[in-house]
Amino acid sequence: MKKYSLWLDGISEEKEPILKEDIDCDVLIVGGGMTGLSTAYHLRNSNLKVVVVEKNEIGRGISARTTGKITYLQDTIYSDLTNFYSESIAKKYYYSQRDAIEIICDIVAKEGIDCNLRRASSYIFSKKKEKLMGEKKLLKQFGEFIKEANQDEYYAIGVDDTYVFHPIKYIQALKSICKKDGIKFYEHTDINFVRMEDNGYICGNEFIKIKTKRVVFACHYPYFLFPFLMPLKCTLEKSYISATPVKKIESYSAISVEKPVISLRYHQAEKNYLIYLTGSHPLYTEYDDQKHFEDLNKKLKRLELEPKYLWSNHDIMTFDKLPFIGLLKKDLYLATGYNTWGMTNSNLAGKIISDMIMDIYNPYESLFSPTRKLKKLSLPETVYGGIKPMIENKVWKNKDWYPDNVYFERRNGKNVAVYVDKLKKEHVVYNTCPHFKCSLLFNSVEKTWDCPCHGSRFDLDGKVIIGPSNYDITYHD
């Protein structure tokens, strides 16, 4: 069994250089995932000098951990937005998602991208029919034809005009197109500081500086606290995903409206797969990843399925269910908080932000503004979600479920964590996340050190895989 995403298997790509010298540009995009590549794609013919930097490798972060659904049928989002704001806001979000799907399909067709794009019906389902009635009513008012289905104890509603695809093949194609049009990409290049100057910004790290007129933060979780105060505006949700070979694929995807979520879709390629997600929970509530993976395996065995791939994912959940996309302050743009619907919203973000940079009107600019006044806040959840994991995991480091080859100790006056591999080699790391100083958890399935506060992840030797942390935790004698 492979302990990484299906989308990364068999993917080979030309590596991009590390930035080793100071440069100038008109637009600096920080983050080489779906949002960053979509933004770059829409700016490629703008006559602006665009640079994309990625702390790891292009397309190997959160974008590689998605289920790859392209749908506007998203849980009970329209009922929720109607309750939080108004029906008109819900309808505007609906149109934004329809437009995002059109953007993706148009790009795939125009550029001739081979990314396994396939039309597939979407369903949401529940054991309680009444939970879907509000969503059904709103979608019909928006002009949708709604299908209904009953299977076992579940009731479902569905729509036809939605899709699934291979997200990394799509990202790779966008990168290739952007490079041909002169956009520069740099990997393994951290941005640790951003300083405003009279005519723009200076960004970089201890080795290099990038002078730019505009900055786009297209990273999953922005590492800076001010001015956005990200921890006060969202929580993180963790989920567990498998890809299992199947003989026959179905032309639909589905997701439950209850928590923990059950989500599934089929992937058609050289081999056919069922992609199955479950076990979703707020990041700060549960720490035993091994148990969640075991539960996932048990569910698959009941279906007489044997997974070939296992991986986990983090999603940023905003309190009002809308992403944060747009201008944060003068010439500084932000795109994050997609509430598990990153495939539509990241592509939408690329269009919105590129339009704003080029002074083109975009109808969704105000809807997703990062500076909007939130109608729904959850201060107790924010405080509890930040403080609970920090305290619990400093006091209780060595968890009951950890294997014997994981332990904690002090070396040279420093607190470290040690993993001993099958060859008896020690992998030693500092056991505190550099971002907010939370104690880290060991993920024994994926062999990573994970932060329970804001989702940073590190490999066995301490190299940061996913932020917000910009710094490694590798121990040095």
Protein backbone atom coordinates (compact mmCIF):
# COMPACT_ATOMS: atom_id res chain seq x y z
CA MET A 1 0.00 0.00 0.00
CA LYS A 2 1.25 3.49 -0.87
CA LYS A 3 1.00 6.17 1.81
CA TYR A 4 0.63 9.13 -0.49
CA SER A 5 -1.89 10.64 -2.90
CA LEU A 6 -2.94 8.84 -6.04
CA TRP A 7 -2.38 12.09 -7.97
CA LEU A 8 1.35 12.00 -7.28
CA ASP A 9 1.95 8.47 -8.51
CA GLY A 10 3.72 8.23 -11.85
CA ILE A 11 4.02 12.01 -12.12
CA SER A 12 7.36 13.18 -13.47
CA GLU A 13 8.09 16.81 -14.15
CA GLU A 14 10.99 19.10 -14.91
CA LYS A 15 12.26 20.55 -11.66
CA GLU A 16 12.36 24.30 -11.32
CA PRO A 17 15.45 26.10 -9.98
CA ILE A 18 15.95 27.54 -6.52
CA LEU A 19 16.05 31.33 -6.59
CA LYS A 20 19.62 32.27 -5.63
CA GLU A 21 19.80 35.94 -6.55
CA ASP A 22 17.82 39.14 -6.08
CA ILE A 23 15.25 39.85 -8.81
CA ASP A 24 12.57 42.37 -9.75
CA CYS A 25 9.05 41.65 -11.04
CA ASP A 26 5.63 43.23 -11.41
CA VAL A 27 3.68 40.42 -9.71
CA LEU A 28 5.02 37.89 -7.21
CA ILE A 29 2.79 34.85 -6.67
CA VAL A 30 3.62 32.99 -3.45
CA GLY A 31 2.43 29.39 -3.79
CA GLY A 32 2.65 26.91 -6.63
CA GLY A 33 -0.65 25.10 -6.17
CA MET A 34 -3.92 25.37 -8.07
CA THR A 35 -4.54 28.99 -7.03
CA GLY A 36 -1.06 30.18 -7.90
CA LEU A 37 -1.01 28.45 -11.28
CA SER A 38 -4.51 29.66 -12.14
CA THR A 39 -3.54 33.24 -11.32
CA ALA A 40 -0.36 32.94 -13.38
CA TYR A 41 -2.30 31.49 -16.32
CA HIS A 42 -4.67 34.45 -16.47
CA LEU A 43 -1.78 36.93 -16.20
CA ARG A 44 0.46 35.29 -18.78
CA ASN A 45 -0.48 37.67 -21.64
CA SER A 46 -0.78 40.81 -19.51
CA ASN A 47 2.67 42.27 -20.34
CA LEU A 48 3.44 42.06 -16.64
CA LYS A 49 6.57 40.31 -15.40
CA VAL A 50 5.18 37.49 -13.26
CA VAL A 51 7.18 35.24 -10.92
CA VAL A 52 5.85 32.20 -9.02
CA VAL A 53 7.75 30.90 -5.99
CA GLU A 54 7.00 27.67 -4.13
CA LYS A 55 8.57 26.57 -0.85
CA ASN A 56 8.57 22.92 -1.97
CA GLU A 57 7.66 21.69 -5.46
CA ILE A 58 4.96 22.93 -7.82
CA GLY A 59 1.67 21.10 -7.28
CA ARG A 60 2.91 18.90 -4.43
CA GLY A 61 1.03 20.57 -1.56
CA ILE A 62 -2.66 20.69 -0.69
CA SER A 63 -3.66 20.60 -4.38
CA ALA A 64 -2.23 17.08 -4.60
CA ARG A 65 -4.37 15.88 -1.67
CA THR A 66 -7.80 16.84 -2.98
CA THR A 67 -10.42 14.42 -4.32
CA GLY A 68 -10.52 16.35 -7.60
CA LYS A 69 -14.24 17.17 -7.79
CA ILE A 70 -15.46 20.10 -9.88
CA THR A 71 -18.97 20.76 -8.66
CA TYR A 72 -21.36 23.47 -7.49
CA LEU A 73 -23.37 20.97 -5.37
CA GLN A 74 -21.50 21.55 -2.13
CA ASP A 75 -23.06 20.22 1.04
CA THR A 76 -25.87 22.60 2.12
CA ILE A 77 -23.91 25.72 1.17
CA TYR A 78 -26.85 27.60 -0.35
CA SER A 79 -29.10 27.07 2.65
CA ASP A 80 -26.25 28.06 4.96
CA LEU A 81 -25.46 31.25 3.03
CA THR A 82 -29.14 32.16 2.95
CA ASN A 83 -29.25 31.82 6.74
CA PHE A 84 -25.97 33.68 7.33
CA TYR A 85 -26.53 36.45 4.78
CA SER A 86 -29.39 36.32 2.25
CA GLU A 87 -30.76 34.35 -0.66
CA SER A 88 -29.17 36.84 -3.07
CA ILE A 89 -25.71 36.10 -1.60
CA ALA A 90 -26.40 32.36 -1.92
CA LYS A 91 -27.42 32.83 -5.55
CA LYS A 92 -24.31 34.87 -6.29
CA TYR A 93 -22.12 32.13 -4.83
CA TYR A 94 -24.00 29.60 -6.96
CA TYR A 95 -23.22 31.61 -10.10
CA SER A 96 -19.58 31.90 -9.04
CA GLN A 97 -19.25 28.14 -8.86
CA ARG A 98 -20.97 27.65 -12.22
CA ASP A 99 -18.54 30.19 -13.69
CA ALA A 100 -15.57 28.41 -12.08
CA ILE A 101 -16.59 25.13 -13.75
CA GLU A 102 -16.88 26.93 -17.07
CA ILE A 103 -13.41 28.45 -16.60
CA ILE A 104 -11.85 25.02 -16.07
CA CYS A 105 -13.67 23.35 -18.94
CA ASP A 106 -12.86 26.22 -21.31
CA ILE A 107 -9.15 26.10 -20.43
CA VAL A 108 -9.01 22.32 -20.85
CA ALA A 109 -10.70 22.57 -24.26
CA LYS A 110 -8.76 25.60 -25.49
CA GLU A 111 -5.35 24.28 -24.44
CA GLY A 112 -6.02 20.64 -25.24
CA ILE A 113 -5.12 19.55 -21.70
CA ASP A 114 -5.14 15.83 -20.95
CA CYS A 115 -6.20 15.74 -17.29
CA ASN A 116 -8.87 13.00 -17.29
CA LEU A 117 -11.64 15.60 -17.24
CA ARG A 118 -14.92 13.70 -17.22
CA ARG A 119 -18.52 14.74 -16.77
CA ALA A 120 -20.03 13.17 -13.66
CA SER A 121 -23.28 13.80 -11.81
CA SER A 122 -23.00 15.13 -8.26
CA TYR A 123 -25.12 14.09 -5.29
CA ILE A 124 -25.49 15.17 -1.70
CA PHE A 125 -27.10 12.65 0.62
CA SER A 126 -28.43 12.22 4.15
CA LYS A 127 -30.35 9.77 6.29
CA LYS A 128 -32.76 12.61 7.03
CA LYS A 129 -34.59 13.79 3.95
CA GLU A 130 -35.61 17.07 5.57
CA LYS A 131 -31.94 18.18 5.75
CA LEU A 132 -31.88 18.46 1.96
CA MET A 133 -35.21 20.15 1.36
CA GLY A 134 -33.89 23.70 1.76
CA GLU A 135 -31.06 23.03 -0.67
CA LYS A 136 -33.39 21.40 -3.16
CA LYS A 137 -35.80 24.34 -3.03
CA LEU A 138 -33.07 26.94 -3.54
CA LEU A 139 -31.42 25.09 -6.41
CA LYS A 140 -34.77 24.81 -8.18
CA GLN A 141 -35.28 28.56 -7.69
CA PHE A 142 -31.85 29.11 -9.25
CA GLY A 143 -33.09 27.19 -12.32
CA GLU A 144 -31.52 23.78 -11.71
CA PHE A 145 -33.13 20.49 -12.63
CA ILE A 146 -32.78 18.31 -9.51
CA LYS A 147 -32.63 14.53 -9.53
CA GLU A 148 -33.72 12.50 -6.51
CA ALA A 149 -32.54 9.08 -5.39
CA ASN A 150 -33.06 6.66 -2.54
CA GLN A 151 -30.53 3.97 -1.67
CA ASP A 152 -30.66 1.89 1.49
CA GLU A 153 -31.44 4.36 4.28
CA TYR A 154 -30.15 7.41 2.38
CA TYR A 155 -31.99 10.09 0.44
CA ALA A 156 -30.06 12.10 -2.17
CA ILE A 157 -30.50 14.99 -4.54
CA GLY A 158 -28.28 15.46 -7.57
CA VAL A 159 -27.37 17.51 -10.63
CA ASP A 160 -25.82 16.47 -13.93
CA ASP A 161 -23.53 19.23 -15.19
CA THR A 162 -20.51 18.70 -12.93
CA TYR A 163 -17.08 17.09 -13.45
CA VAL A 164 -14.09 15.27 -12.01
CA PHE A 165 -10.46 15.43 -13.15
CA HIS A 166 -6.79 14.77 -12.34
CA PRO A 167 -5.72 17.98 -10.55
CA ILE A 168 -1.95 17.52 -10.87
CA LYS A 169 -2.06 16.85 -14.61
CA TYR A 170 -4.07 20.07 -14.92
CA ILE A 171 -1.56 22.03 -12.81
CA GLN A 172 1.37 20.66 -14.80
CA ALA A 173 -0.28 21.73 -18.04
CA LEU A 174 -0.90 25.25 -16.72
CA LYS A 175 2.74 25.51 -15.67
CA SER A 176 3.96 24.43 -19.10
CA ILE A 177 1.73 27.01 -20.80
CA CYS A 178 2.84 29.79 -18.43
CA LYS A 179 6.52 28.98 -18.93
CA LYS A 180 6.15 29.21 -22.70
CA ASP A 181 4.67 32.68 -22.19
CA GLY A 182 7.63 33.83 -20.10
CA ILE A 183 6.48 33.35 -16.52
CA LYS A 184 9.32 32.29 -14.20
CA PHE A 185 8.95 29.53 -11.60
CA TYR A 186 11.19 28.84 -8.62
CA GLU A 187 10.94 25.88 -6.25
CA HIS A 188 12.36 25.36 -2.77
CA THR A 189 12.23 29.13 -2.33
CA ASP A 190 10.77 30.45 0.91
CA ILE A 191 9.21 33.87 1.42
CA ASN A 192 9.82 34.64 5.09
CA PHE A 193 9.19 38.39 5.07
CA VAL A 194 7.13 40.95 3.17
CA ARG A 195 7.97 44.63 3.57
CA MET A 196 5.99 47.45 1.99
CA GLU A 197 7.99 50.12 0.20
CA ASP A 198 6.93 53.30 -1.61
CA ASN A 199 6.49 51.62 -4.97
CA GLY A 200 5.61 48.11 -3.91
CA TYR A 201 7.07 45.35 -1.73
CA ILE A 202 10.34 43.66 -0.87
CA CYS A 203 9.86 39.93 -0.22
CA GLY A 204 12.29 37.14 0.44
CA ASN A 205 14.37 35.26 2.96
CA GLU A 206 17.84 35.52 4.50
CA PHE A 207 19.48 34.76 1.15
CA ILE A 208 17.46 36.58 -1.53
CA LYS A 209 15.16 39.55 -2.06
CA ILE A 210 12.41 40.02 -4.61
CA LYS A 211 11.32 43.55 -5.44
CA THR A 212 7.75 43.53 -6.74
CA LYS A 213 4.87 45.90 -7.34
CA ARG A 214 2.21 43.39 -6.25
CA VAL A 215 2.12 40.26 -4.11
CA VAL A 216 -0.40 37.40 -4.37
CA PHE A 217 -0.50 35.02 -1.41
CA ALA A 218 -1.74 31.80 -3.01
CA CYS A 219 -0.51 29.52 -0.24
CA HIS A 220 -2.92 27.27 1.65
CA TYR A 221 -2.59 28.95 5.07
CA PRO A 222 -0.89 32.38 5.11
CA TYR A 223 2.04 32.34 7.51
CA PHE A 224 1.66 35.97 8.61
CA LEU A 225 -0.58 36.96 11.52
CA PHE A 226 -1.05 40.65 10.76
CA PRO A 227 -2.95 42.31 9.25
CA PHE A 228 -5.33 39.43 8.49
CA LEU A 229 -5.56 37.60 11.85
CA MET A 230 -6.24 34.32 10.06
CA PRO A 231 -6.54 32.14 13.22
CA LEU A 232 -9.54 34.24 14.32
CA LYS A 233 -11.46 33.74 11.08
CA CYS A 234 -11.37 30.02 10.42
CA THR A 235 -10.70 26.52 11.68
CA LEU A 236 -9.02 23.56 10.01
CA GLU A 237 -10.64 20.25 9.19
CA LYS A 238 -8.74 17.01 8.65
CA SER A 239 -9.94 14.11 6.53
CA TYR A 240 -8.64 10.70 5.43
CA ILE A 241 -8.67 9.52 1.83
CA SER A 242 -8.13 6.29 -0.07
CA ALA A 243 -7.91 5.25 -3.69
CA THR A 244 -8.98 1.68 -4.41
CA PRO A 245 -8.81 -0.20 -7.73
CA VAL A 246 -12.25 -1.18 -9.04
CA LYS A 247 -13.39 -3.04 -12.14
CA LYS A 248 -16.18 -0.66 -12.99
CA ILE A 249 -16.48 3.08 -12.57
CA GLU A 250 -19.68 5.03 -12.02
CA SER A 251 -20.41 8.41 -13.58
CA TYR A 252 -21.22 10.24 -10.34
CA SER A 253 -19.67 11.70 -7.21
CA ALA A 254 -21.38 12.05 -3.84
CA ILE A 255 -20.91 13.59 -0.41
CA SER A 256 -22.88 13.39 2.82
CA VAL A 257 -24.18 16.48 4.58
CA GLU A 258 -23.57 15.01 8.05
CA LYS A 259 -20.25 14.99 9.87
CA PRO A 260 -18.00 13.12 9.68
CA VAL A 261 -18.28 13.47 5.94
CA ILE A 262 -18.42 10.54 3.56
CA SER A 263 -17.27 11.53 0.09
CA LEU A 264 -16.68 9.44 -3.00
CA ARG A 265 -15.92 9.71 -6.69
CA TYR A 266 -14.48 7.51 -9.43
CA HIS A 267 -11.31 8.11 -11.41
CA GLN A 268 -10.93 6.68 -14.90
CA ALA A 269 -7.37 6.23 -16.19
CA GLU A 270 -5.16 3.27 -17.14
CA LYS A 271 -6.67 1.69 -14.04
CA ASN A 272 -10.02 2.57 -12.51
CA TYR A 273 -10.25 3.79 -8.92
CA LEU A 274 -12.82 4.60 -6.29
CA ILE A 275 -11.67 7.62 -4.26
CA TYR A 276 -13.26 7.47 -0.83
CA LEU A 277 -12.97 10.09 1.95
CA THR A 278 -14.16 9.85 5.52
CA GLY A 279 -13.29 10.62 9.14
CA SER A 280 -13.41 14.39 8.78
CA HIS A 281 -13.01 16.31 12.05
CA PRO A 282 -11.81 19.69 13.32
CA LEU A 283 -8.03 19.49 13.54
CA TYR A 284 -7.90 20.31 17.24
CA THR A 285 -10.42 17.67 18.42
CA GLU A 286 -8.68 14.38 17.56
CA TYR A 287 -5.03 13.44 17.24
CA ASP A 288 -4.87 9.70 16.51
CA ASP A 289 -4.41 9.54 12.74
CA GLN A 290 -3.71 5.82 12.86
CA LYS A 291 -7.17 5.15 14.29
CA HIS A 292 -8.83 7.17 11.52
CA PHE A 293 -6.91 5.30 8.84
CA GLU A 294 -7.87 2.00 10.48
CA ASP A 295 -11.53 3.07 10.52
CA LEU A 296 -11.27 3.95 6.83
CA ASN A 297 -9.80 0.53 6.09
CA LYS A 298 -12.60 -1.18 7.99
CA LYS A 299 -15.25 0.65 5.97
CA LEU A 300 -13.54 -0.35 2.74
CA LYS A 301 -13.29 -3.99 3.82
CA ARG A 302 -17.04 -4.05 4.46
CA LEU A 303 -17.37 -3.01 0.82
CA GLU A 304 -14.90 -5.78 -0.10
CA LEU A 305 -12.34 -3.20 -1.24
CA GLU A 306 -8.59 -3.06 -0.66
CA PRO A 307 -7.02 0.42 -0.88
CA LYS A 308 -3.86 0.97 -2.89
CA TYR A 309 -3.31 4.56 -1.71
CA LEU A 310 -3.90 6.27 1.63
CA TRP A 311 -3.38 9.93 2.50
CA SER A 312 -4.84 12.74 4.58
CA ASN A 313 -5.75 16.35 3.90
CA HIS A 314 -6.39 19.64 5.68
CA ASP A 315 -9.12 22.07 4.64
CA ILE A 316 -9.56 25.63 5.88
CA MET A 317 -13.12 26.23 7.02
CA THR A 318 -14.30 29.83 7.23
CA PHE A 319 -17.03 30.69 9.70
CA ASP A 320 -19.37 32.18 7.09
CA LYS A 321 -18.73 29.46 4.45
CA LEU A 322 -17.27 31.94 1.93
CA PRO A 323 -13.62 31.90 0.80
CA PHE A 324 -11.27 34.83 1.29
CA ILE A 325 -10.27 36.03 -2.17
CA GLY A 326 -9.10 39.50 -3.15
CA LEU A 327 -7.30 42.60 -1.95
CA LEU A 328 -6.06 42.48 1.63
CA LYS A 329 -4.24 45.80 1.57
CA LYS A 330 -2.64 47.97 -1.11
CA ASP A 331 -1.31 45.69 -3.89
CA LEU A 332 -1.37 42.65 -1.54
CA TYR A 333 -3.82 39.90 -2.55
CA LEU A 334 -4.96 36.81 -0.68
CA ALA A 335 -6.74 33.59 -1.68
CA THR A 336 -7.57 30.95 0.92
CA GLY A 337 -10.38 29.37 2.95
CA TYR A 338 -12.08 27.20 0.33
CA ASN A 339 -14.15 25.08 2.78
CA THR A 340 -13.21 21.77 1.06
CA TRP A 341 -14.23 23.09 -2.38
CA GLY A 342 -10.80 24.07 -3.60
CA MET A 343 -11.04 22.96 -7.20
CA THR A 344 -13.73 25.47 -8.14
CA ASN A 345 -12.68 28.22 -5.76
CA SER A 346 -8.95 28.11 -6.54
CA ASN A 347 -9.67 28.51 -10.26
CA LEU A 348 -12.16 31.24 -9.47
CA ALA A 349 -9.56 32.95 -7.27
CA GLY A 350 -7.05 32.97 -10.12
CA LYS A 351 -9.57 34.78 -12.33
CA ILE A 352 -10.72 37.25 -9.67
CA ILE A 353 -7.23 38.27 -8.59
CA SER A 354 -5.84 38.50 -12.12
CA ASP A 355 -8.83 40.66 -13.11
CA MET A 356 -8.19 42.95 -10.14
CA ILE A 357 -4.51 43.28 -11.01
CA MET A 358 -5.38 44.16 -14.63
CA ASP A 359 -8.21 46.54 -13.57
CA ILE A 360 -10.89 44.34 -15.14
CA TYR A 361 -14.31 44.26 -13.49
CA ASN A 362 -15.11 40.96 -11.79
CA PRO A 363 -18.63 40.43 -10.39
CA TYR A 364 -17.37 38.38 -7.43
CA GLU A 365 -14.77 40.78 -6.09
CA SER A 366 -16.94 42.06 -3.22
CA LEU A 367 -18.51 38.66 -2.43
CA PHE A 368 -15.21 37.07 -1.40
CA SER A 369 -13.36 40.14 -0.13
CA PRO A 370 -10.91 39.21 2.68
CA THR A 371 -11.80 42.48 4.42
CA ARG A 372 -15.56 41.86 4.44
CA LYS A 373 -17.39 42.11 7.73
CA LEU A 374 -18.19 38.55 8.75
CA LYS A 375 -21.82 37.92 9.67
CA LYS A 376 -20.97 34.71 11.50
CA LEU A 377 -18.13 34.42 13.98
CA SER A 378 -17.26 31.78 16.55
CA LEU A 379 -14.88 33.30 19.10
CA PRO A 380 -15.19 30.41 21.60
CA GLU A 381 -14.35 27.88 18.87
CA THR A 382 -11.45 30.02 17.69
CA VAL A 383 -9.94 30.39 21.14
CA TYR A 384 -10.61 26.78 22.12
CA GLY A 385 -9.31 25.48 18.82
CA GLY A 386 -6.06 27.39 19.24
CA ILE A 387 -5.36 26.88 22.92
CA LYS A 388 -6.56 23.29 23.43
CA PRO A 389 -4.08 21.51 21.12
CA MET A 390 -1.23 23.74 22.22
CA ILE A 391 -1.68 22.88 25.91
CA GLU A 392 -2.68 19.23 25.50
CA ASN A 393 0.24 18.31 23.31
CA LYS A 394 2.84 20.09 25.40
CA VAL A 395 1.65 18.20 28.48
CA TRP A 396 0.96 14.85 26.77
CA LYS A 397 3.65 14.35 24.16
CA ASN A 398 4.12 10.59 24.10
CA LYS A 399 0.72 9.33 23.01
CA ASP A 400 -0.58 5.85 23.88
CA TRP A 401 -0.84 4.89 20.21
CA TYR A 402 2.72 5.85 19.25
CA PRO A 403 4.96 2.93 18.24
CA ASP A 404 8.02 2.10 20.34
CA ASN A 405 10.35 3.64 17.77
CA VAL A 406 8.98 7.14 18.46
CA TYR A 407 10.10 8.91 21.61
CA PHE A 408 10.90 12.32 23.07
CA GLU A 409 13.96 13.50 24.96
CA ARG A 410 16.28 16.45 25.56
CA ARG A 411 19.51 16.77 23.62
CA ASN A 412 21.95 19.57 24.27
CA GLY A 413 19.28 21.37 26.29
CA LYS A 414 16.69 21.15 23.49
CA ASN A 415 13.43 19.21 23.34
CA VAL A 416 13.54 16.80 20.42
CA ALA A 417 11.47 13.98 18.94
CA VAL A 418 13.07 10.85 17.53
CA TYR A 419 11.86 8.32 14.97
CA VAL A 420 13.96 5.18 14.43
CA ASP A 421 13.40 3.59 11.02
CA LYS A 422 13.69 -0.08 10.01
CA LEU A 423 17.42 0.32 9.35
CA LYS A 424 17.87 1.63 12.92
CA LYS A 425 18.61 5.11 11.65
CA GLU A 426 17.53 7.96 13.93
CA HIS A 427 15.52 10.82 12.46
CA VAL A 428 15.71 13.65 15.00
CA VAL A 429 13.63 16.83 14.87
CA TYR A 430 12.70 19.67 17.16
CA ASN A 431 9.19 18.84 18.31
CA THR A 432 7.79 22.38 18.22
CA CYS A 433 6.20 24.00 15.17
CA PRO A 434 8.05 27.22 14.27
CA HIS A 435 4.79 28.94 13.32
CA PHE A 436 3.03 29.29 16.70
CA LYS A 437 5.17 27.00 18.89
CA CYS A 438 2.64 24.18 19.11
CA SER A 439 3.94 20.71 19.97
CA LEU A 440 3.85 18.36 17.01
CA LEU A 441 2.10 15.01 16.55
CA PHE A 442 3.58 11.96 14.87
CA ASN A 443 1.54 10.59 11.96
CA SER A 444 2.63 6.96 11.94
CA VAL A 445 0.80 6.12 8.69
CA GLU A 446 2.17 8.87 6.44
CA LYS A 447 5.39 9.18 8.49
CA THR A 448 5.12 12.92 9.06
CA TRP A 449 5.19 15.35 11.99
CA ASP A 450 1.94 17.33 12.00
CA CYS A 451 0.93 20.51 13.83
CA PRO A 452 -2.50 20.19 15.53
CA CYS A 453 -2.97 23.97 15.70
CA HIS A 454 -2.68 25.29 12.13
CA GLY A 455 -1.79 22.29 10.00
CA SER A 456 1.93 22.61 9.24
CA ARG A 457 3.49 19.28 8.23
CA PHE A 458 7.11 18.11 8.25
CA ASP A 459 8.81 15.00 6.92
CA LEU A 460 10.78 12.56 9.09
CA ASP A 461 13.91 14.69 8.91
CA GLY A 462 12.10 17.92 9.70
CA LYS A 463 11.72 19.51 6.27
CA VAL A 464 8.50 21.51 6.03
CA ILE A 465 6.05 19.94 3.56
CA ILE A 466 3.01 22.16 4.07
CA GLY A 467 2.76 25.54 5.83
CA PRO A 468 1.97 27.90 7.40
CA SER A 469 5.43 27.25 8.85
CA ASN A 470 8.20 28.56 6.63
CA TYR A 471 10.94 26.90 8.64
CA ASP A 472 12.21 23.33 8.98
CA ILE A 473 12.50 21.56 12.34
CA THR A 474 15.63 19.57 11.50
CA TYR A 475 17.78 19.00 14.58
CA HIS A 476 21.45 19.95 14.42
CA ASP A 477 24.00 18.89 17.07
